[in-house]
Amino acid sequence: VHGESTVELFIFLPSFLPATLPSFQMSDDIYEQVKEFILTDDVLVQKLESFATKNCQIFSDDEENKLEYMELYQQFQNLVNSHIEDFVKSKNSTIDAFYKKCQEASEAGDEDEVLDLLLAITTFDQFKTMMLEQKDKLK
């Protein structure tokens, strides 16, 4: 694809990912490569949209979290982690190197859609927020 293409990305994360994505050239930095991969990988996008749509209805904005939330959170982590790990390995890097770069970006104050998704893997509250946003969108 040349130039910009418009796609509906992450019904699941409407406030995090843009609808218009530029075409990318792969960077030497594994963090940047994974960010590009996440933004352009249709398989992952479809898996996340399907997961969110299928599971968001059980979430409520109550302060008390149900056991089912944690089970879904673990499924979400496994889904995203396995997809990212396969990609990282294909680039002859390690998942540890990638997560180290994520931590550095977060500590440096970087704010972007992909970092928010990656933080959702490690932060339950961010995951719950995304599921509630998807539920609201489907109303």
N, C-alpha and C. Protein backbone atom coordinates (compact mmCIF):
# COMPACT_ATOMS: atom_id res chain seq x y z
N VAL A 1 0.85 -1.17 0.00
CA VAL A 1 0.00 0.00 0.00
C VAL A 1 0.90 1.23 0.00
N HIS A 2 0.65 2.13 -0.92
CA HIS A 2 1.41 3.36 -0.99
C HIS A 2 0.60 4.49 -0.40
N GLY A 3 1.28 5.43 0.21
CA GLY A 3 0.59 6.58 0.79
C GLY A 3 -0.15 6.18 2.04
N GLU A 4 -1.34 6.73 2.24
CA GLU A 4 -2.12 6.43 3.42
C GLU A 4 -3.34 5.63 3.04
N SER A 5 -3.72 4.70 3.90
CA SER A 5 -4.94 3.95 3.68
C SER A 5 -5.81 4.10 4.92
N THR A 6 -7.10 4.16 4.71
CA THR A 6 -8.01 4.32 5.82
C THR A 6 -8.58 2.95 6.17
N VAL A 7 -8.45 2.58 7.43
CA VAL A 7 -9.00 1.32 7.91
C VAL A 7 -9.61 1.55 9.28
N GLU A 8 -10.62 0.76 9.62
CA GLU A 8 -11.19 0.80 10.96
C GLU A 8 -10.35 -0.15 11.80
N LEU A 9 -9.61 0.42 12.75
CA LEU A 9 -8.73 -0.38 13.59
C LEU A 9 -9.23 -0.42 15.01
N PHE A 10 -9.16 -1.55 15.61
CA PHE A 10 -9.43 -1.72 17.02
C PHE A 10 -10.74 -1.06 17.42
N ILE A 11 -11.83 -1.62 16.92
CA ILE A 11 -13.11 -1.21 17.47
C ILE A 11 -12.92 -1.24 18.98
N PHE A 12 -12.11 -2.18 19.38
CA PHE A 12 -11.73 -2.44 20.75
C PHE A 12 -11.04 -1.25 21.41
N LEU A 13 -10.25 -0.48 20.67
CA LEU A 13 -9.49 0.62 21.25
C LEU A 13 -9.72 1.92 20.48
N PRO A 14 -10.96 2.36 20.39
CA PRO A 14 -11.23 3.50 19.51
C PRO A 14 -10.48 4.77 19.89
N SER A 15 -10.22 4.97 21.16
CA SER A 15 -9.54 6.20 21.54
C SER A 15 -8.04 6.08 21.46
N PHE A 16 -7.54 4.89 21.14
CA PHE A 16 -6.10 4.68 21.17
C PHE A 16 -5.47 4.59 19.78
N LEU A 17 -6.17 4.02 18.83
CA LEU A 17 -5.56 3.83 17.52
C LEU A 17 -6.24 4.68 16.47
N PRO A 18 -5.45 5.27 15.59
CA PRO A 18 -6.01 6.13 14.56
C PRO A 18 -6.68 5.32 13.45
N ALA A 19 -7.61 5.96 12.74
CA ALA A 19 -8.26 5.29 11.62
C ALA A 19 -7.41 5.39 10.36
N THR A 20 -6.53 6.34 10.28
CA THR A 20 -5.68 6.50 9.10
C THR A 20 -4.23 6.21 9.49
N LEU A 21 -3.65 5.29 8.77
CA LEU A 21 -2.29 4.88 9.08
C LEU A 21 -1.37 5.16 7.90
N PRO A 22 -0.21 5.73 8.15
CA PRO A 22 0.76 5.90 7.06
C PRO A 22 1.42 4.57 6.74
N SER A 23 2.01 4.47 5.55
CA SER A 23 2.77 3.26 5.30
C SER A 23 4.10 3.39 6.04
N PHE A 24 4.63 2.25 6.45
CA PHE A 24 5.80 2.23 7.31
C PHE A 24 7.00 1.61 6.61
N GLN A 25 8.17 2.07 6.99
CA GLN A 25 9.41 1.39 6.64
C GLN A 25 9.93 0.82 7.94
N MET A 26 10.41 -0.42 7.91
CA MET A 26 10.84 -1.07 9.13
C MET A 26 12.06 -0.37 9.72
N SER A 27 12.00 -0.17 11.01
CA SER A 27 13.07 0.45 11.76
C SER A 27 14.02 -0.63 12.26
N ASP A 28 15.23 -0.23 12.65
CA ASP A 28 16.17 -1.17 13.25
C ASP A 28 15.83 -1.43 14.72
N ASP A 29 15.07 -0.55 15.35
CA ASP A 29 14.71 -0.66 16.75
C ASP A 29 13.54 -1.63 16.90
N ILE A 30 13.70 -2.69 17.72
CA ILE A 30 12.65 -3.70 17.87
C ILE A 30 11.36 -3.09 18.41
N TYR A 31 11.46 -2.10 19.28
CA TYR A 31 10.26 -1.43 19.80
C TYR A 31 9.49 -0.78 18.66
N GLU A 32 10.19 -0.05 17.81
CA GLU A 32 9.53 0.60 16.67
C GLU A 32 8.97 -0.43 15.70
N GLN A 33 9.69 -1.52 15.48
CA GLN A 33 9.21 -2.57 14.58
C GLN A 33 7.92 -3.19 15.09
N VAL A 34 7.86 -3.46 16.39
CA VAL A 34 6.65 -4.05 16.96
C VAL A 34 5.50 -3.05 16.89
N LYS A 35 5.75 -1.78 17.17
CA LYS A 35 4.70 -0.77 17.04
C LYS A 35 4.13 -0.77 15.62
N GLU A 36 5.01 -0.80 14.63
CA GLU A 36 4.57 -0.81 13.24
C GLU A 36 3.77 -2.08 12.95
N PHE A 37 4.24 -3.19 13.45
CA PHE A 37 3.58 -4.48 13.25
C PHE A 37 2.17 -4.46 13.84
N ILE A 38 2.05 -3.98 15.07
CA ILE A 38 0.74 -3.95 15.73
C ILE A 38 -0.24 -3.07 14.95
N LEU A 39 0.23 -1.96 14.46
CA LEU A 39 -0.65 -1.04 13.73
C LEU A 39 -1.07 -1.55 12.37
N THR A 40 -0.30 -2.47 11.80
CA THR A 40 -0.58 -2.89 10.42
C THR A 40 -0.96 -4.36 10.28
N ASP A 41 -0.94 -5.12 11.36
CA ASP A 41 -1.23 -6.55 11.28
C ASP A 41 -2.73 -6.81 11.39
N ASP A 42 -3.35 -7.12 10.27
CA ASP A 42 -4.80 -7.34 10.24
C ASP A 42 -5.22 -8.54 11.09
N VAL A 43 -4.39 -9.56 11.16
CA VAL A 43 -4.74 -10.75 11.94
C VAL A 43 -4.89 -10.39 13.42
N LEU A 44 -3.92 -9.66 13.95
CA LEU A 44 -4.00 -9.25 15.34
C LEU A 44 -5.19 -8.33 15.58
N VAL A 45 -5.40 -7.39 14.71
CA VAL A 45 -6.54 -6.47 14.84
C VAL A 45 -7.85 -7.26 14.89
N GLN A 46 -8.01 -8.22 13.98
CA GLN A 46 -9.24 -9.01 13.95
C GLN A 46 -9.39 -9.85 15.22
N LYS A 47 -8.29 -10.42 15.70
CA LYS A 47 -8.36 -11.21 16.94
C LYS A 47 -8.77 -10.34 18.12
N LEU A 48 -8.20 -9.15 18.22
CA LEU A 48 -8.52 -8.26 19.34
C LEU A 48 -9.95 -7.74 19.26
N GLU A 49 -10.39 -7.39 18.06
CA GLU A 49 -11.77 -6.92 17.90
C GLU A 49 -12.75 -8.03 18.29
N SER A 50 -12.47 -9.24 17.82
CA SER A 50 -13.33 -10.36 18.12
C SER A 50 -13.35 -10.65 19.62
N PHE A 51 -12.19 -10.66 20.23
CA PHE A 51 -12.08 -10.90 21.67
C PHE A 51 -12.88 -9.86 22.45
N ALA A 52 -12.70 -8.61 22.13
CA ALA A 52 -13.38 -7.53 22.86
C ALA A 52 -14.89 -7.60 22.68
N THR A 53 -15.32 -7.78 21.45
CA THR A 53 -16.76 -7.83 21.17
C THR A 53 -17.41 -9.02 21.88
N LYS A 54 -16.74 -10.14 21.87
CA LYS A 54 -17.26 -11.35 22.48
C LYS A 54 -17.34 -11.23 24.01
N ASN A 55 -16.41 -10.52 24.62
CA ASN A 55 -16.28 -10.56 26.08
C ASN A 55 -16.63 -9.27 26.82
N CYS A 56 -16.85 -8.18 26.15
CA CYS A 56 -17.00 -6.89 26.84
C CYS A 56 -18.29 -6.77 27.63
N GLN A 57 -19.34 -7.51 27.27
CA GLN A 57 -20.64 -7.33 27.91
C GLN A 57 -20.65 -7.71 29.38
N ILE A 58 -19.73 -8.55 29.85
CA ILE A 58 -19.74 -8.94 31.26
C ILE A 58 -19.12 -7.87 32.16
N PHE A 59 -18.44 -6.89 31.56
CA PHE A 59 -17.76 -5.86 32.36
C PHE A 59 -18.74 -4.78 32.82
N SER A 60 -18.53 -4.34 34.06
CA SER A 60 -19.29 -3.22 34.59
C SER A 60 -18.30 -2.26 35.24
N ASP A 61 -18.75 -1.05 35.46
CA ASP A 61 -17.88 0.00 35.99
C ASP A 61 -17.80 -0.03 37.52
N ASP A 62 -18.24 -1.12 38.12
CA ASP A 62 -18.16 -1.26 39.57
C ASP A 62 -16.71 -1.30 40.02
N GLU A 63 -16.47 -0.83 41.23
CA GLU A 63 -15.11 -0.87 41.76
C GLU A 63 -14.66 -2.30 42.02
N GLU A 64 -15.57 -3.16 42.42
CA GLU A 64 -15.23 -4.56 42.69
C GLU A 64 -15.15 -5.32 41.37
N ASN A 65 -14.06 -6.02 41.20
CA ASN A 65 -13.85 -6.79 39.97
C ASN A 65 -14.24 -8.25 40.17
N LYS A 66 -14.87 -8.79 39.15
CA LYS A 66 -15.29 -10.19 39.18
C LYS A 66 -14.12 -11.09 38.79
N LEU A 67 -14.18 -12.33 39.24
CA LEU A 67 -13.16 -13.31 38.91
C LEU A 67 -13.05 -13.50 37.39
N GLU A 68 -14.18 -13.43 36.70
CA GLU A 68 -14.18 -13.59 35.24
C GLU A 68 -13.31 -12.54 34.55
N TYR A 69 -13.23 -11.35 35.12
CA TYR A 69 -12.41 -10.30 34.53
C TYR A 69 -10.94 -10.74 34.47
N MET A 70 -10.47 -11.32 35.56
CA MET A 70 -9.07 -11.74 35.61
C MET A 70 -8.82 -12.88 34.62
N GLU A 71 -9.77 -13.78 34.50
CA GLU A 71 -9.63 -14.88 33.54
C GLU A 71 -9.54 -14.32 32.11
N LEU A 72 -10.38 -13.35 31.79
CA LEU A 72 -10.35 -12.74 30.46
C LEU A 72 -9.07 -11.93 30.26
N TYR A 73 -8.62 -11.28 31.31
CA TYR A 73 -7.38 -10.52 31.24
C TYR A 73 -6.21 -11.45 30.92
N GLN A 74 -6.17 -12.60 31.54
CA GLN A 74 -5.11 -13.57 31.25
C GLN A 74 -5.19 -14.08 29.81
N GLN A 75 -6.40 -14.29 29.32
CA GLN A 75 -6.57 -14.70 27.92
C GLN A 75 -6.08 -13.60 26.97
N PHE A 76 -6.43 -12.36 27.31
CA PHE A 76 -5.99 -11.22 26.52
C PHE A 76 -4.47 -11.14 26.48
N GLN A 77 -3.84 -11.26 27.66
CA GLN A 77 -2.38 -11.23 27.74
C GLN A 77 -1.76 -12.31 26.86
N ASN A 78 -2.29 -13.51 26.95
CA ASN A 78 -1.76 -14.61 26.15
C ASN A 78 -1.92 -14.36 24.66
N LEU A 79 -3.07 -13.83 24.28
CA LEU A 79 -3.33 -13.53 22.87
C LEU A 79 -2.33 -12.54 22.31
N VAL A 80 -2.16 -11.43 22.99
CA VAL A 80 -1.26 -10.38 22.51
C VAL A 80 0.20 -10.81 22.64
N ASN A 81 0.56 -11.36 23.79
CA ASN A 81 1.95 -11.77 24.00
C ASN A 81 2.43 -12.79 22.99
N SER A 82 1.61 -13.79 22.70
CA SER A 82 2.05 -14.83 21.75
C SER A 82 2.23 -14.24 20.36
N HIS A 83 1.35 -13.33 19.99
CA HIS A 83 1.45 -12.71 18.67
C HIS A 83 2.72 -11.84 18.57
N ILE A 84 2.96 -11.06 19.60
CA ILE A 84 4.14 -10.19 19.62
C ILE A 84 5.42 -11.03 19.69
N GLU A 85 5.40 -12.05 20.53
CA GLU A 85 6.59 -12.88 20.69
C GLU A 85 6.97 -13.56 19.37
N ASP A 86 5.99 -14.06 18.64
CA ASP A 86 6.28 -14.67 17.33
C ASP A 86 6.94 -13.66 16.40
N PHE A 87 6.42 -12.44 16.39
CA PHE A 87 6.99 -11.41 15.53
C PHE A 87 8.41 -11.06 15.95
N VAL A 88 8.62 -10.86 17.25
CA VAL A 88 9.94 -10.49 17.77
C VAL A 88 10.97 -11.56 17.41
N LYS A 89 10.59 -12.82 17.58
CA LYS A 89 11.50 -13.92 17.23
C LYS A 89 11.82 -13.91 15.74
N SER A 90 10.84 -13.57 14.92
CA SER A 90 11.06 -13.54 13.47
C SER A 90 12.05 -12.44 13.07
N LYS A 91 12.25 -11.47 13.97
CA LYS A 91 13.18 -10.37 13.73
C LYS A 91 14.51 -10.59 14.46
N ASN A 92 14.72 -11.84 14.89
CA ASN A 92 15.96 -12.23 15.59
C ASN A 92 16.22 -11.37 16.83
N SER A 93 15.17 -11.11 17.57
CA SER A 93 15.31 -10.39 18.82
C SER A 93 14.63 -11.21 19.91
N THR A 94 14.61 -10.67 21.12
CA THR A 94 13.97 -11.39 22.22
C THR A 94 12.84 -10.55 22.79
N ILE A 95 11.91 -11.24 23.42
CA ILE A 95 10.79 -10.54 24.04
C ILE A 95 11.29 -9.67 25.20
N ASP A 96 12.34 -10.13 25.87
CA ASP A 96 12.91 -9.32 26.97
C ASP A 96 13.47 -8.00 26.45
N ALA A 97 14.16 -8.04 25.33
CA ALA A 97 14.70 -6.81 24.74
C ALA A 97 13.57 -5.87 24.35
N PHE A 98 12.51 -6.44 23.82
CA PHE A 98 11.36 -5.63 23.43
C PHE A 98 10.71 -4.96 24.65
N TYR A 99 10.45 -5.74 25.70
CA TYR A 99 9.80 -5.17 26.88
C TYR A 99 10.71 -4.16 27.59
N LYS A 100 12.01 -4.35 27.50
CA LYS A 100 12.93 -3.37 28.06
C LYS A 100 12.76 -2.03 27.33
N LYS A 101 12.63 -2.09 25.99
CA LYS A 101 12.40 -0.87 25.21
C LYS A 101 11.06 -0.23 25.56
N CYS A 102 10.04 -1.04 25.82
CA CYS A 102 8.73 -0.51 26.22
C CYS A 102 8.85 0.24 27.54
N GLN A 103 9.56 -0.37 28.47
CA GLN A 103 9.74 0.27 29.76
C GLN A 103 10.48 1.59 29.62
N GLU A 104 11.51 1.61 28.78
CA GLU A 104 12.27 2.84 28.55
C GLU A 104 11.37 3.92 27.94
N ALA A 105 10.53 3.53 26.99
CA ALA A 105 9.62 4.49 26.36
C ALA A 105 8.63 5.05 27.38
N SER A 106 8.11 4.18 28.22
CA SER A 106 7.16 4.62 29.23
C SER A 106 7.83 5.56 30.24
N GLU A 107 9.03 5.22 30.68
CA GLU A 107 9.76 6.06 31.63
C GLU A 107 10.16 7.39 31.02
N ALA A 108 10.34 7.41 29.70
CA ALA A 108 10.70 8.66 29.01
C ALA A 108 9.48 9.55 28.77
N GLY A 109 8.30 9.02 29.12
CA GLY A 109 7.08 9.82 28.97
C GLY A 109 6.45 9.72 27.60
N ASP A 110 6.88 8.75 26.79
CA ASP A 110 6.27 8.56 25.47
C ASP A 110 4.79 8.23 25.65
N GLU A 111 3.96 8.83 24.81
CA GLU A 111 2.54 8.53 24.82
C GLU A 111 2.12 8.22 23.40
N ASP A 112 1.69 6.99 23.18
CA ASP A 112 1.12 6.65 21.88
C ASP A 112 0.16 5.48 22.02
N GLU A 113 -0.57 5.23 20.97
CA GLU A 113 -1.62 4.22 20.97
C GLU A 113 -1.08 2.84 21.27
N VAL A 114 0.04 2.50 20.67
CA VAL A 114 0.59 1.17 20.81
C VAL A 114 1.13 0.96 22.22
N LEU A 115 1.77 1.95 22.76
CA LEU A 115 2.26 1.83 24.13
C LEU A 115 1.09 1.63 25.09
N ASP A 116 -0.03 2.29 24.83
CA ASP A 116 -1.22 2.08 25.65
C ASP A 116 -1.69 0.63 25.57
N LEU A 117 -1.68 0.06 24.38
CA LEU A 117 -2.06 -1.35 24.22
C LEU A 117 -1.09 -2.24 24.98
N LEU A 118 0.20 -1.96 24.84
CA LEU A 118 1.20 -2.78 25.51
C LEU A 118 1.08 -2.65 27.03
N LEU A 119 0.75 -1.47 27.50
CA LEU A 119 0.53 -1.30 28.94
C LEU A 119 -0.70 -2.07 29.40
N ALA A 120 -1.68 -2.21 28.50
CA ALA A 120 -2.88 -2.98 28.84
C ALA A 120 -2.55 -4.45 29.08
N ILE A 121 -1.47 -4.92 28.48
CA ILE A 121 -1.05 -6.29 28.71
C ILE A 121 -0.60 -6.46 30.16
N THR A 122 0.05 -5.44 30.69
CA THR A 122 0.62 -5.54 32.02
C THR A 122 -0.18 -4.80 33.08
N THR A 123 -1.21 -4.05 32.70
CA THR A 123 -1.99 -3.27 33.65
C THR A 123 -3.47 -3.64 33.54
N PHE A 124 -3.98 -4.31 34.54
CA PHE A 124 -5.37 -4.75 34.52
C PHE A 124 -6.33 -3.58 34.36
N ASP A 125 -6.08 -2.48 35.05
CA ASP A 125 -6.99 -1.33 34.99
C ASP A 125 -7.12 -0.80 33.57
N GLN A 126 -6.02 -0.76 32.83
CA GLN A 126 -6.07 -0.30 31.44
C GLN A 126 -6.88 -1.27 30.58
N PHE A 127 -6.70 -2.57 30.82
CA PHE A 127 -7.47 -3.58 30.11
C PHE A 127 -8.97 -3.40 30.38
N LYS A 128 -9.33 -3.24 31.64
CA LYS A 128 -10.75 -3.08 32.00
C LYS A 128 -11.33 -1.83 31.33
N THR A 129 -10.56 -0.76 31.32
CA THR A 129 -11.01 0.48 30.67
C THR A 129 -11.30 0.23 29.19
N MET A 130 -10.42 -0.49 28.53
CA MET A 130 -10.63 -0.77 27.11
C MET A 130 -11.87 -1.62 26.89
N MET A 131 -12.09 -2.59 27.76
CA MET A 131 -13.27 -3.43 27.61
C MET A 131 -14.55 -2.62 27.84
N LEU A 132 -14.53 -1.73 28.80
CA LEU A 132 -15.69 -0.87 29.05
C LEU A 132 -15.95 0.08 27.88
N GLU A 133 -14.88 0.58 27.26
CA GLU A 133 -15.04 1.45 26.08
C GLU A 133 -15.69 0.67 24.94
N GLN A 134 -15.28 -0.59 24.76
CA GLN A 134 -15.88 -1.40 23.70
C GLN A 134 -17.35 -1.66 24.01
N LYS A 135 -17.66 -1.94 25.25
CA LYS A 135 -19.05 -2.17 25.64
C LYS A 135 -19.90 -0.93 25.34
N ASP A 136 -19.41 0.24 25.71
CA ASP A 136 -20.12 1.49 25.44
C ASP A 136 -20.32 1.70 23.94
N LYS A 137 -19.33 1.36 23.17
CA LYS A 137 -19.42 1.56 21.72
C LYS A 137 -20.48 0.66 21.09
N LEU A 138 -20.68 -0.51 21.67
CA LEU A 138 -21.64 -1.46 21.11
C LEU A 138 -23.09 -1.18 21.52
N LYS A 139 -23.29 -0.25 22.45
CA LYS A 139 -24.66 0.06 22.92
C LYS A 139 -25.47 0.65 21.82
